[in-house]
Amino acid sequence: MKSLITGIHHITAIAGNPQRNVDFYTGILGLRMVKKTINFDAPDVYHFYFGDEFGTPGTVFTTFPFDGARKGTKGTGELTYTAFSIPTSSFGYWMDRLEKYNIPTSTPLTRFGEKLVRFEDHDGMGIELIANDKDKRKGWTYGNIPSEFAIKGFYGATLNLKAKDLTEKLLTQFMDYKFLAEEDGRYRFGTKGEPGDIIDIVLDKAGRQGVQSAGTVHHIAFRTDNESSQLEIQRILIENGYHVTEVKDRNYFKSIYFREPGGVLFEIATDEPGFAIDEDEAHLGELLKLPNWAEQHRDKIESKLAKVQLNISTYA
């Protein structure tokens, strides 16, 4: 039977200053801004989508930037580190690039036989680059990063929890995930065990609850093919006692939300229709796009949003 869930769709974080946010993810990391829109639940706040050339599910890191937001704190009940996939041959390049832009990093680490580096963005957002030769996806570059070294998309994500059994049950019984391996108290799960679908659980039984604000993840979304498969997942989850929202239209995908037992907000998002429904693929992310219901308020919305621009040449 075909899996209803096929991996990570997107990860959404809370950020601070919008321009610094754009500079970091497009300039330093080299992701493409595939959509510039608003937070549908807070229209005076941007919603940025950064990913590969087309915003392919499994590559898209999104942010809600609140200028002046205080920094959040990592803790339990949170997704604490978002891992991006890079080619093995690019590891030295990325270490040098992060040093060039004065970004403190960990020493090179090894996890499940793969080399990685850990660091934070300017807001304190936890990021990892994991080097591997399993990822056959094509990365994106504006030209500021050599194409052979470009980030390919997500590798996976780390959930920091006080307990794992109920979350493991959710993943393996209702979300098409399988237990893959354990190493040093890190429990790994995947749909196929490939970059783009990895979920790691790290236990912190005595840890403090994380505090959401700038530099923390708001939610993680998982992929499903279409509205039909999404409704089937919704039915299964509700029948098994999970409190799931109604379907919400996010223009570029449909979404349902619920909290997993450890407290992390999960979303199930459809692959369809994608980001090209209101912009040509060659010009994704160039204009502020609004949902139909907000168009009549465009002038008011734009007046409250800080102007942002791409500064790619600054980060060559």
Protein backbone atom coordinates (compact mmCIF):
# COMPACT_ATOMS: atom_id res chain seq x y z
CA MET A 1 0.00 0.00 0.00
CA LYS A 2 1.27 3.47 -0.89
CA SER A 3 2.48 5.53 2.06
CA LEU A 4 0.26 8.41 3.06
CA ILE A 5 3.22 10.38 4.44
CA THR A 6 6.45 10.54 2.46
CA GLY A 7 8.77 12.71 4.53
CA ILE A 8 9.22 16.33 5.59
CA HIS A 9 7.29 18.99 3.67
CA HIS A 10 8.57 22.17 5.35
CA ILE A 11 9.81 23.51 8.67
CA THR A 12 8.65 26.89 9.96
CA ALA A 13 10.54 29.04 12.44
CA ILE A 14 10.01 32.35 14.23
CA ALA A 15 12.61 34.97 13.37
CA GLY A 16 13.56 38.54 14.23
CA ASN A 17 14.55 41.27 11.78
CA PRO A 18 13.19 40.45 8.29
CA GLN A 19 16.17 41.77 6.31
CA ARG A 20 18.71 39.89 8.42
CA ASN A 21 16.57 36.80 7.98
CA VAL A 22 16.61 37.16 4.19
CA ASP A 23 20.35 37.88 4.15
CA PHE A 24 21.18 34.78 6.17
CA TYR A 25 19.11 32.20 4.31
CA THR A 26 19.56 33.53 0.76
CA GLY A 27 22.96 35.18 1.12
CA ILE A 28 24.95 32.96 3.45
CA LEU A 29 23.17 29.62 3.02
CA GLY A 30 22.25 30.28 -0.62
CA LEU A 31 18.62 29.11 -0.51
CA ARG A 32 16.20 30.58 -2.99
CA MET A 33 13.43 32.83 -1.77
CA VAL A 34 10.57 31.01 -3.43
CA LYS A 35 7.73 32.98 -1.89
CA LYS A 36 7.28 36.29 -0.09
CA THR A 37 3.85 36.47 1.45
CA ILE A 38 2.19 37.09 4.83
CA ASN A 39 1.36 35.03 7.86
CA PHE A 40 -2.26 34.20 7.08
CA ASP A 41 -3.07 34.25 10.81
CA ALA A 42 -1.21 37.55 11.43
CA PRO A 43 -1.32 39.59 8.19
CA ASP A 44 1.02 42.32 9.44
CA VAL A 45 3.88 39.78 9.59
CA TYR A 46 5.80 38.39 6.63
CA HIS A 47 5.96 34.71 5.78
CA PHE A 48 9.12 33.88 3.84
CA TYR A 49 9.72 30.55 2.09
CA PHE A 50 13.31 29.54 1.30
CA GLY A 51 14.10 26.39 -0.69
CA ASP A 52 15.36 24.95 -3.93
CA GLU A 53 14.59 26.28 -7.41
CA PHE A 54 10.91 25.35 -7.31
CA GLY A 55 10.22 25.17 -3.58
CA THR A 56 10.05 21.39 -3.78
CA PRO A 57 8.55 19.79 -0.65
CA GLY A 58 11.41 18.61 1.52
CA THR A 59 13.55 21.68 0.79
CA VAL A 60 11.51 24.57 2.18
CA PHE A 61 12.47 26.38 5.38
CA THR A 62 9.95 29.09 6.20
CA THR A 63 10.01 31.95 8.67
CA PHE A 64 7.68 34.38 10.44
CA PRO A 65 9.99 37.37 11.07
CA PHE A 66 8.91 39.70 13.91
CA ASP A 67 11.21 42.72 14.05
CA GLY A 68 12.28 43.30 17.65
CA ALA A 69 11.17 39.86 18.86
CA ARG A 70 13.08 38.60 21.88
CA LYS A 71 15.05 35.41 21.50
CA GLY A 72 13.40 32.15 22.39
CA THR A 73 15.12 29.32 24.25
CA LYS A 74 15.72 25.75 23.15
CA GLY A 75 14.22 23.12 25.40
CA THR A 76 11.98 20.11 25.57
CA GLY A 77 8.84 19.89 23.49
CA GLU A 78 10.59 21.53 20.57
CA LEU A 79 12.28 20.87 17.28
CA THR A 80 15.72 22.17 18.25
CA TYR A 81 17.90 21.56 15.16
CA THR A 82 17.01 21.66 11.47
CA ALA A 83 19.49 19.66 9.38
CA PHE A 84 20.24 20.47 5.75
CA SER A 85 21.86 18.03 3.33
CA ILE A 86 25.14 18.91 1.59
CA PRO A 87 27.49 16.88 -0.65
CA THR A 88 30.38 15.19 1.15
CA SER A 89 32.85 17.06 -1.07
CA SER A 90 31.45 20.41 0.11
CA PHE A 91 32.16 20.05 3.83
CA GLY A 92 35.42 22.00 3.82
CA TYR A 93 33.86 24.72 1.67
CA TRP A 94 31.03 25.20 4.17
CA MET A 95 33.37 25.28 7.16
CA ASP A 96 35.35 28.03 5.45
CA ARG A 97 32.23 29.93 4.40
CA LEU A 98 30.78 29.98 7.90
CA GLU A 99 34.10 31.18 9.29
CA LYS A 100 34.24 33.89 6.60
CA TYR A 101 30.96 35.32 7.85
CA ASN A 102 31.95 35.01 11.53
CA ILE A 103 29.42 32.32 12.35
CA PRO A 104 30.62 30.22 15.31
CA THR A 105 30.39 26.48 14.64
CA SER A 106 30.93 23.23 16.43
CA THR A 107 33.98 21.20 15.60
CA PRO A 108 33.22 18.63 12.87
CA LEU A 109 30.99 15.93 14.37
CA THR A 110 30.10 12.41 13.25
CA ARG A 111 26.63 10.89 13.55
CA PHE A 112 25.56 7.53 12.16
CA GLY A 113 28.76 7.52 10.12
CA GLU A 114 28.20 10.93 8.51
CA LYS A 115 30.09 14.17 9.12
CA LEU A 116 28.22 17.28 10.20
CA VAL A 117 28.66 20.75 11.61
CA ARG A 118 26.28 22.51 13.99
CA PHE A 119 25.72 26.28 14.33
CA GLU A 120 23.05 28.93 14.85
CA ASP A 121 21.73 31.79 12.78
CA HIS A 122 21.67 35.37 14.11
CA ASP A 123 18.45 34.66 16.04
CA GLY A 124 19.81 31.49 17.67
CA MET A 125 18.06 29.08 15.30
CA GLY A 126 19.72 25.66 15.50
CA ILE A 127 21.07 24.45 12.15
CA GLU A 128 23.13 21.47 11.03
CA LEU A 129 24.77 20.70 7.71
CA ILE A 130 25.09 16.95 7.18
CA ALA A 131 27.50 15.74 4.50
CA ASN A 132 26.45 12.67 2.53
CA ASP A 133 26.51 11.13 -0.94
CA LYS A 134 23.01 9.61 -0.74
CA ASP A 135 21.16 12.75 -1.73
CA LYS A 136 20.49 12.87 -5.48
CA ARG A 137 18.44 16.07 -5.42
CA LYS A 138 19.69 19.10 -7.32
CA GLY A 139 20.62 22.04 -5.10
CA TRP A 140 19.87 25.68 -5.84
CA THR A 141 22.32 28.56 -6.05
CA TYR A 142 22.03 32.22 -6.98
CA GLY A 143 25.62 31.94 -8.15
CA ASN A 144 27.09 33.07 -4.84
CA ILE A 145 27.79 29.42 -3.97
CA PRO A 146 29.30 26.92 -6.44
CA SER A 147 26.54 24.64 -7.71
CA GLU A 148 28.46 21.50 -6.74
CA PHE A 149 28.46 22.67 -3.09
CA ALA A 150 24.86 23.91 -2.86
CA ILE A 151 22.45 22.79 -0.14
CA LYS A 152 20.13 20.12 -1.55
CA GLY A 153 17.25 20.44 0.90
CA PHE A 154 16.47 19.06 4.32
CA TYR A 155 18.33 16.11 5.73
CA GLY A 156 16.11 15.88 8.79
CA ALA A 157 15.15 17.36 12.14
CA THR A 158 15.82 16.76 15.84
CA LEU A 159 12.94 16.61 18.32
CA ASN A 160 14.02 17.27 21.91
CA LEU A 161 11.58 15.38 24.15
CA LYS A 162 11.20 14.22 27.74
CA ALA A 163 9.89 10.82 26.60
CA LYS A 164 9.73 9.05 23.27
CA ASP A 165 7.34 6.10 23.49
CA LEU A 166 4.12 7.92 22.59
CA THR A 167 5.81 9.96 19.87
CA GLU A 168 7.38 6.79 18.48
CA LYS A 169 3.96 5.17 18.44
CA LEU A 170 2.54 8.13 16.50
CA LEU A 171 5.35 8.07 13.94
CA THR A 172 5.49 4.32 13.39
CA GLN A 173 1.82 3.34 13.69
CA PHE A 174 0.05 6.29 12.08
CA MET A 175 2.58 8.30 10.04
CA ASP A 176 4.41 5.67 7.93
CA TYR A 177 7.72 6.12 9.75
CA LYS A 178 10.01 3.25 10.75
CA PHE A 179 12.59 3.01 13.49
CA LEU A 180 16.00 2.97 11.82
CA ALA A 181 18.75 3.09 14.44
CA GLU A 182 19.92 4.37 17.82
CA GLU A 183 23.24 6.01 18.63
CA ASP A 184 24.28 7.68 21.89
CA GLY A 185 20.69 8.20 22.99
CA ARG A 186 19.57 9.52 19.60
CA TYR A 187 16.70 7.54 18.07
CA ARG A 188 16.36 7.77 14.29
CA PHE A 189 13.19 7.31 12.25
CA GLY A 190 12.48 7.61 8.52
CA THR A 191 9.94 6.76 5.84
CA LYS A 192 12.64 5.47 3.50
CA GLY A 193 15.62 6.49 5.59
CA GLU A 194 16.79 9.05 3.03
CA PRO A 195 17.74 12.73 3.27
CA GLY A 196 14.51 14.69 3.49
CA ASP A 197 12.58 12.27 5.68
CA ILE A 198 14.77 11.77 8.78
CA ILE A 199 13.37 12.47 12.24
CA ASP A 200 15.66 12.08 15.25
CA ILE A 201 14.40 12.00 18.84
CA VAL A 202 16.80 13.05 21.57
CA LEU A 203 15.67 12.52 25.15
CA ASP A 204 16.11 15.18 27.83
CA LYS A 205 14.09 13.81 30.71
CA ALA A 206 15.05 16.57 33.15
CA GLY A 207 15.07 19.38 30.60
CA ARG A 208 13.15 22.62 30.79
CA GLN A 209 10.34 23.37 28.40
CA GLY A 210 11.47 25.45 25.43
CA VAL A 211 10.16 29.00 25.01
CA GLN A 212 9.02 29.94 21.52
CA SER A 213 10.15 33.23 20.05
CA ALA A 214 12.82 34.34 17.60
CA GLY A 215 15.25 31.54 16.83
CA THR A 216 12.89 28.65 17.58
CA VAL A 217 10.83 26.37 15.36
CA HIS A 218 7.11 26.97 15.31
CA HIS A 219 6.16 23.68 13.62
CA ILE A 220 7.26 20.90 11.31
CA ALA A 221 5.12 19.84 8.36
CA PHE A 222 5.07 16.37 6.82
CA ARG A 223 4.34 15.59 3.16
CA THR A 224 1.27 13.94 1.75
CA ASP A 225 0.40 13.73 -1.93
CA ASN A 226 -2.95 15.45 -2.13
CA GLU A 227 -6.19 16.39 -0.41
CA SER A 228 -7.51 12.83 -0.56
CA SER A 229 -4.52 11.33 1.24
CA GLN A 230 -4.61 14.21 3.72
CA LEU A 231 -8.24 13.50 4.63
CA GLU A 232 -7.34 9.84 5.14
CA ILE A 233 -4.54 10.79 7.54
CA GLN A 234 -6.88 13.17 9.35
CA ARG A 235 -9.43 10.38 9.77
CA ILE A 236 -6.84 7.93 11.10
CA LEU A 237 -5.44 10.43 13.58
CA ILE A 238 -8.83 11.50 14.90
CA GLU A 239 -9.99 7.88 15.27
CA ASN A 240 -6.89 7.24 17.39
CA GLY A 241 -7.45 10.12 19.77
CA TYR A 242 -5.38 12.94 18.27
CA HIS A 243 -6.90 16.44 18.26
CA VAL A 244 -6.58 17.49 14.63
CA THR A 245 -7.71 20.79 13.09
CA GLU A 246 -9.95 21.20 10.11
CA VAL A 247 -8.25 21.53 6.73
CA LYS A 248 -6.78 25.00 6.26
CA ASP A 249 -6.06 26.49 2.84
CA ARG A 250 -2.52 27.91 2.74
CA ASN A 251 -2.74 28.75 -1.00
CA TYR A 252 0.34 26.68 -1.93
CA PHE A 253 -0.80 23.60 0.00
CA LYS A 254 -3.62 22.44 2.28
CA SER A 255 -2.81 21.83 5.94
CA ILE A 256 -4.01 20.11 9.08
CA TYR A 257 -2.36 20.56 12.49
CA PHE A 258 -2.06 18.70 15.78
CA ARG A 259 0.40 18.39 18.67
CA GLU A 260 2.37 15.23 19.02
CA PRO A 261 2.51 13.77 22.57
CA GLY A 262 5.80 15.52 23.42
CA GLY A 263 4.40 18.95 22.59
CA VAL A 264 5.81 19.66 19.11
CA LEU A 265 3.30 21.12 16.67
CA PHE A 266 2.92 18.82 13.66
CA GLU A 267 1.37 19.74 10.33
CA ILE A 268 0.41 17.50 7.43
CA ALA A 269 0.68 19.47 4.18
CA THR A 270 -0.20 18.49 0.62
CA ASP A 271 2.42 18.51 -2.14
CA GLU A 272 -0.16 20.18 -4.37
CA PRO A 273 -0.55 22.77 -5.83
CA GLY A 274 2.92 24.28 -5.19
CA PHE A 275 4.41 27.76 -5.46
CA ALA A 276 3.96 28.45 -9.18
CA ILE A 277 0.21 29.07 -8.99
CA ASP A 278 0.63 32.85 -8.63
CA GLU A 279 4.15 33.49 -10.01
CA ASP A 280 6.14 32.21 -12.95
CA GLU A 281 8.81 29.73 -11.82
CA ALA A 282 11.55 32.01 -13.15
CA HIS A 283 10.35 34.83 -10.87
CA LEU A 284 9.36 33.05 -7.67
CA GLY A 285 9.71 35.17 -4.54
CA GLU A 286 10.14 38.49 -6.32
CA LEU A 287 6.81 40.13 -5.44
CA LEU A 288 4.70 40.22 -2.30
CA LYS A 289 1.94 37.70 -2.94
CA LEU A 290 -1.28 37.85 -0.94
CA PRO A 291 -4.17 35.42 -0.61
CA ASN A 292 -7.32 36.55 -2.39
CA TRP A 293 -9.04 37.57 0.82
CA ALA A 294 -6.19 39.97 1.66
CA GLU A 295 -5.84 41.70 -1.71
CA GLN A 296 -8.40 44.37 -0.84
CA HIS A 297 -6.18 45.33 2.10
CA ARG A 298 -2.88 45.32 0.16
CA ASP A 299 -2.04 48.99 0.70
CA LYS A 300 -2.60 48.74 4.45
CA ILE A 301 -0.66 45.45 4.71
CA GLU A 302 2.29 46.73 2.68
CA SER A 303 2.47 49.90 4.78
CA LYS A 304 3.08 47.81 7.89
CA LEU A 305 5.76 45.55 6.39
CA ALA A 306 9.43 46.57 6.33
CA LYS A 307 10.99 46.70 2.88
CA VAL A 308 13.34 43.78 2.19
CA GLN A 309 15.64 42.98 -0.70
CA LEU A 310 18.05 40.30 -1.85
CA ASN A 311 21.69 41.20 -1.25
CA ILE A 312 23.25 38.20 -2.97
CA SER A 313 26.30 40.03 -4.28
CA THR A 314 27.28 40.93 -0.72
CA TYR A 315 27.68 37.23 0.06
CA ALA A 316 29.61 36.02 -2.98
